[in-house]
Amino acid sequence: MRNIFFISVLFLSFLSCKSNDRTDDILWYDEPAKEWIEALPLGNGRIGVMVYGNTRTEHLQLNDDSLWPGDNGWKEPEGNPEDLREIRQLLFDGKNTEADKMFVDKFSNKSIIRE
């Protein structure tokens, strides 16, 4: 008799448990973030991004700890608008490795591993 009571209580407790519906973990918005202040930050502490705009004019603002150092002893990167235009052209031409190397050399305070 005790076993039947125990099994009944156990069965009823399973029935009364809320299902493990993970809808509480979903963020859903009716419209895209129109400006930076509305964007959700994504990142891992070393590199981050803020995404905002719409599907036609989406904006990605990137941040990397080697671009904005907390240490004032780092020198200002030497990159200029002409260097940026050259990097963009390299990317359009499919020369991603060259573009990455130039970006690191001109706009970053980190070093690249040379092959």
C-alpha atoms as a PDB file:
ATOM      1  CA  MET A   1       0.000   0.000   0.000  1.00  0.00           C
ATOM      2  CA  ARG A   2       2.854   2.368   0.840  1.00  0.00           C
ATOM      3  CA  ASN A   3       4.460   1.666  -2.522  1.00  0.00           C
ATOM      4  CA  ILE A   4       1.280   2.561  -4.390  1.00  0.00           C
ATOM      5  CA  PHE A   5       0.982   5.798  -2.405  1.00  0.00           C
ATOM      6  CA  PHE A   6       4.632   6.673  -3.076  1.00  0.00           C
ATOM      7  CA  ILE A   7       4.326   5.919  -6.799  1.00  0.00           C
ATOM      8  CA  SER A   8       1.097   7.976  -6.992  1.00  0.00           C
ATOM      9  CA  VAL A   9       2.746  10.973  -5.301  1.00  0.00           C
ATOM     10  CA  LEU A  10       5.776  10.660  -7.544  1.00  0.00           C
ATOM     11  CA  PHE A  11       3.592  10.415 -10.658  1.00  0.00           C
ATOM     12  CA  LEU A  12       1.492  13.438  -9.656  1.00  0.00           C
ATOM     13  CA  SER A  13       4.602  15.477  -8.906  1.00  0.00           C
ATOM     14  CA  PHE A  14       5.903  14.756 -12.409  1.00  0.00           C
ATOM     15  CA  LEU A  15       2.588  15.841 -13.909  1.00  0.00           C
ATOM     16  CA  SER A  16       2.563  19.088 -11.961  1.00  0.00           C
ATOM     17  CA  CYS A  17       6.120  20.044 -12.913  1.00  0.00           C
ATOM     18  CA  LYS A  18       6.427  22.896 -15.370  1.00  0.00           C
ATOM     19  CA  SER A  19       7.851  21.793 -18.662  1.00  0.00           C
ATOM     20  CA  ASN A  20      11.410  22.870 -19.320  1.00  0.00           C
ATOM     21  CA  ASP A  21      10.378  25.385 -21.982  1.00  0.00           C
ATOM     22  CA  ARG A  22      13.364  27.590 -22.821  1.00  0.00           C
ATOM     23  CA  THR A  23      11.307  30.499 -24.158  1.00  0.00           C
ATOM     24  CA  ASP A  24      12.563  32.610 -21.234  1.00  0.00           C
ATOM     25  CA  ASP A  25      16.026  32.596 -22.860  1.00  0.00           C
ATOM     26  CA  ILE A  26      14.876  34.114 -26.159  1.00  0.00           C
ATOM     27  CA  LEU A  27      15.170  37.822 -26.918  1.00  0.00           C
ATOM     28  CA  TRP A  28      12.653  38.962 -29.504  1.00  0.00           C
ATOM     29  CA  TYR A  29      12.229  42.476 -30.847  1.00  0.00           C
ATOM     30  CA  ASP A  30       9.550  43.955 -33.112  1.00  0.00           C
ATOM     31  CA  GLU A  31      12.015  46.190 -34.983  1.00  0.00           C
ATOM     32  CA  PRO A  32      15.777  46.463 -35.473  1.00  0.00           C
ATOM     33  CA  ALA A  33      17.988  48.719 -33.386  1.00  0.00           C
ATOM     34  CA  LYS A  34      18.078  52.033 -35.245  1.00  0.00           C
ATOM     35  CA  GLU A  35      21.069  53.504 -33.442  1.00  0.00           C
ATOM     36  CA  TRP A  36      24.092  52.353 -31.463  1.00  0.00           C
ATOM     37  CA  ILE A  37      22.500  52.905 -28.057  1.00  0.00           C
ATOM     38  CA  GLU A  38      19.733  50.399 -28.908  1.00  0.00           C
ATOM     39  CA  ALA A  39      22.124  47.654 -30.072  1.00  0.00           C
ATOM     40  CA  LEU A  40      22.952  44.560 -28.053  1.00  0.00           C
ATOM     41  CA  PRO A  41      26.647  44.110 -27.282  1.00  0.00           C
ATOM     42  CA  LEU A  42      28.177  40.795 -28.309  1.00  0.00           C
ATOM     43  CA  GLY A  43      31.671  39.649 -27.481  1.00  0.00           C
ATOM     44  CA  ASN A  44      34.006  37.739 -25.247  1.00  0.00           C
ATOM     45  CA  GLY A  45      35.905  40.469 -23.383  1.00  0.00           C
ATOM     46  CA  ARG A  46      38.700  40.726 -25.953  1.00  0.00           C
ATOM     47  CA  ILE A  47      36.723  41.385 -29.101  1.00  0.00           C
ATOM     48  CA  GLY A  48      33.245  42.860 -29.316  1.00  0.00           C
ATOM     49  CA  VAL A  49      30.616  44.095 -31.742  1.00  0.00           C
ATOM     50  CA  MET A  50      27.515  46.270 -31.673  1.00  0.00           C
ATOM     51  CA  VAL A  51      25.076  45.509 -34.510  1.00  0.00           C
ATOM     52  CA  TYR A  52      22.367  47.979 -35.446  1.00  0.00           C
ATOM     53  CA  GLY A  53      20.502  49.321 -38.477  1.00  0.00           C
ATOM     54  CA  ASN A  54      18.232  47.395 -40.797  1.00  0.00           C
ATOM     55  CA  THR A  55      18.737  44.760 -43.452  1.00  0.00           C
ATOM     56  CA  ARG A  56      19.605  47.371 -46.094  1.00  0.00           C
ATOM     57  CA  THR A  57      21.944  49.527 -43.982  1.00  0.00           C
ATOM     58  CA  GLU A  58      23.281  47.333 -41.215  1.00  0.00           C
ATOM     59  CA  HIS A  59      26.100  48.787 -39.114  1.00  0.00           C
ATOM     60  CA  LEU A  60      28.758  46.706 -37.367  1.00  0.00           C
ATOM     61  CA  GLN A  61      30.934  48.500 -34.844  1.00  0.00           C
ATOM     62  CA  LEU A  62      33.895  46.321 -33.908  1.00  0.00           C
ATOM     63  CA  ASN A  63      36.224  46.671 -30.958  1.00  0.00           C
ATOM     64  CA  ASP A  64      39.371  44.685 -30.230  1.00  0.00           C
ATOM     65  CA  ASP A  65      41.566  45.104 -27.185  1.00  0.00           C
ATOM     66  CA  SER A  66      44.577  45.648 -29.443  1.00  0.00           C
ATOM     67  CA  LEU A  67      42.833  48.607 -31.127  1.00  0.00           C
ATOM     68  CA  TRP A  68      41.810  50.434 -27.951  1.00  0.00           C
ATOM     69  CA  PRO A  69      44.358  49.598 -25.266  1.00  0.00           C
ATOM     70  CA  GLY A  70      43.820  50.389 -21.619  1.00  0.00           C
ATOM     71  CA  ASP A  71      47.542  51.057 -21.279  1.00  0.00           C
ATOM     72  CA  ASN A  72      48.522  54.618 -22.219  1.00  0.00           C
ATOM     73  CA  GLY A  73      52.040  53.443 -23.060  1.00  0.00           C
ATOM     74  CA  TRP A  74      50.973  52.133 -26.483  1.00  0.00           C
ATOM     75  CA  LYS A  75      51.666  54.301 -29.491  1.00  0.00           C
ATOM     76  CA  GLU A  76      48.966  55.633 -31.792  1.00  0.00           C
ATOM     77  CA  PRO A  77      48.667  53.361 -34.872  1.00  0.00           C
ATOM     78  CA  GLU A  78      49.967  55.045 -38.037  1.00  0.00           C
ATOM     79  CA  GLY A  79      47.073  54.093 -40.352  1.00  0.00           C
ATOM     80  CA  ASN A  80      45.424  56.812 -42.422  1.00  0.00           C
ATOM     81  CA  PRO A  81      42.442  57.058 -44.799  1.00  0.00           C
ATOM     82  CA  GLU A  82      44.561  56.076 -47.818  1.00  0.00           C
ATOM     83  CA  ASP A  83      45.690  52.908 -46.032  1.00  0.00           C
ATOM     84  CA  LEU A  84      42.046  52.098 -45.280  1.00  0.00           C
ATOM     85  CA  ARG A  85      41.113  52.541 -48.953  1.00  0.00           C
ATOM     86  CA  GLU A  86      43.963  50.196 -49.924  1.00  0.00           C
ATOM     87  CA  ILE A  87      42.814  47.579 -47.374  1.00  0.00           C
ATOM     88  CA  ARG A  88      39.274  47.763 -48.732  1.00  0.00           C
ATOM     89  CA  GLN A  89      40.532  47.291 -52.288  1.00  0.00           C
ATOM     90  CA  LEU A  90      42.588  44.280 -51.228  1.00  0.00           C
ATOM     91  CA  LEU A  91      39.446  42.775 -49.672  1.00  0.00           C
ATOM     92  CA  PHE A  92      37.396  43.452 -52.816  1.00  0.00           C
ATOM     93  CA  ASP A  93      40.164  41.767 -54.836  1.00  0.00           C
ATOM     94  CA  GLY A  94      39.996  38.685 -52.589  1.00  0.00           C
ATOM     95  CA  LYS A  95      43.462  39.273 -51.101  1.00  0.00           C
ATOM     96  CA  ASN A  96      42.338  38.718 -47.526  1.00  0.00           C
ATOM     97  CA  THR A  97      45.715  37.679 -46.103  1.00  0.00           C
ATOM     98  CA  GLU A  98      47.396  40.792 -47.501  1.00  0.00           C
ATOM     99  CA  ALA A  99      44.543  42.986 -46.211  1.00  0.00           C
ATOM    100  CA  ASP A 100      44.814  41.437 -42.750  1.00  0.00           C
ATOM    101  CA  LYS A 101      48.575  41.949 -42.644  1.00  0.00           C
ATOM    102  CA  MET A 102      48.234  45.587 -43.695  1.00  0.00           C
ATOM    103  CA  PHE A 103      45.456  46.173 -41.166  1.00  0.00           C
ATOM    104  CA  VAL A 104      47.587  44.758 -38.345  1.00  0.00           C
ATOM    105  CA  ASP A 105      50.623  46.778 -39.495  1.00  0.00           C
ATOM    106  CA  LYS A 106      48.748  50.074 -39.916  1.00  0.00           C
ATOM    107  CA  PHE A 107      45.801  50.059 -37.505  1.00  0.00           C
ATOM    108  CA  SER A 108      46.631  47.711 -34.657  1.00  0.00           C
ATOM    109  CA  ASN A 109      48.960  47.517 -31.701  1.00  0.00           C
ATOM    110  CA  LYS A 110      49.353  43.767 -31.943  1.00  0.00           C
ATOM    111  CA  SER A 111      51.808  41.797 -33.954  1.00  0.00           C
ATOM    112  CA  ILE A 112      50.956  39.195 -36.557  1.00  0.00           C
ATOM    113  CA  ILE A 113      52.531  35.751 -36.611  1.00  0.00           C
ATOM    114  CA  ARG A 114      54.729  35.718 -39.679  1.00  0.00           C
ATOM    115  CA  GLU A 115      55.043  32.510 -41.684  1.00  0.00           C
END
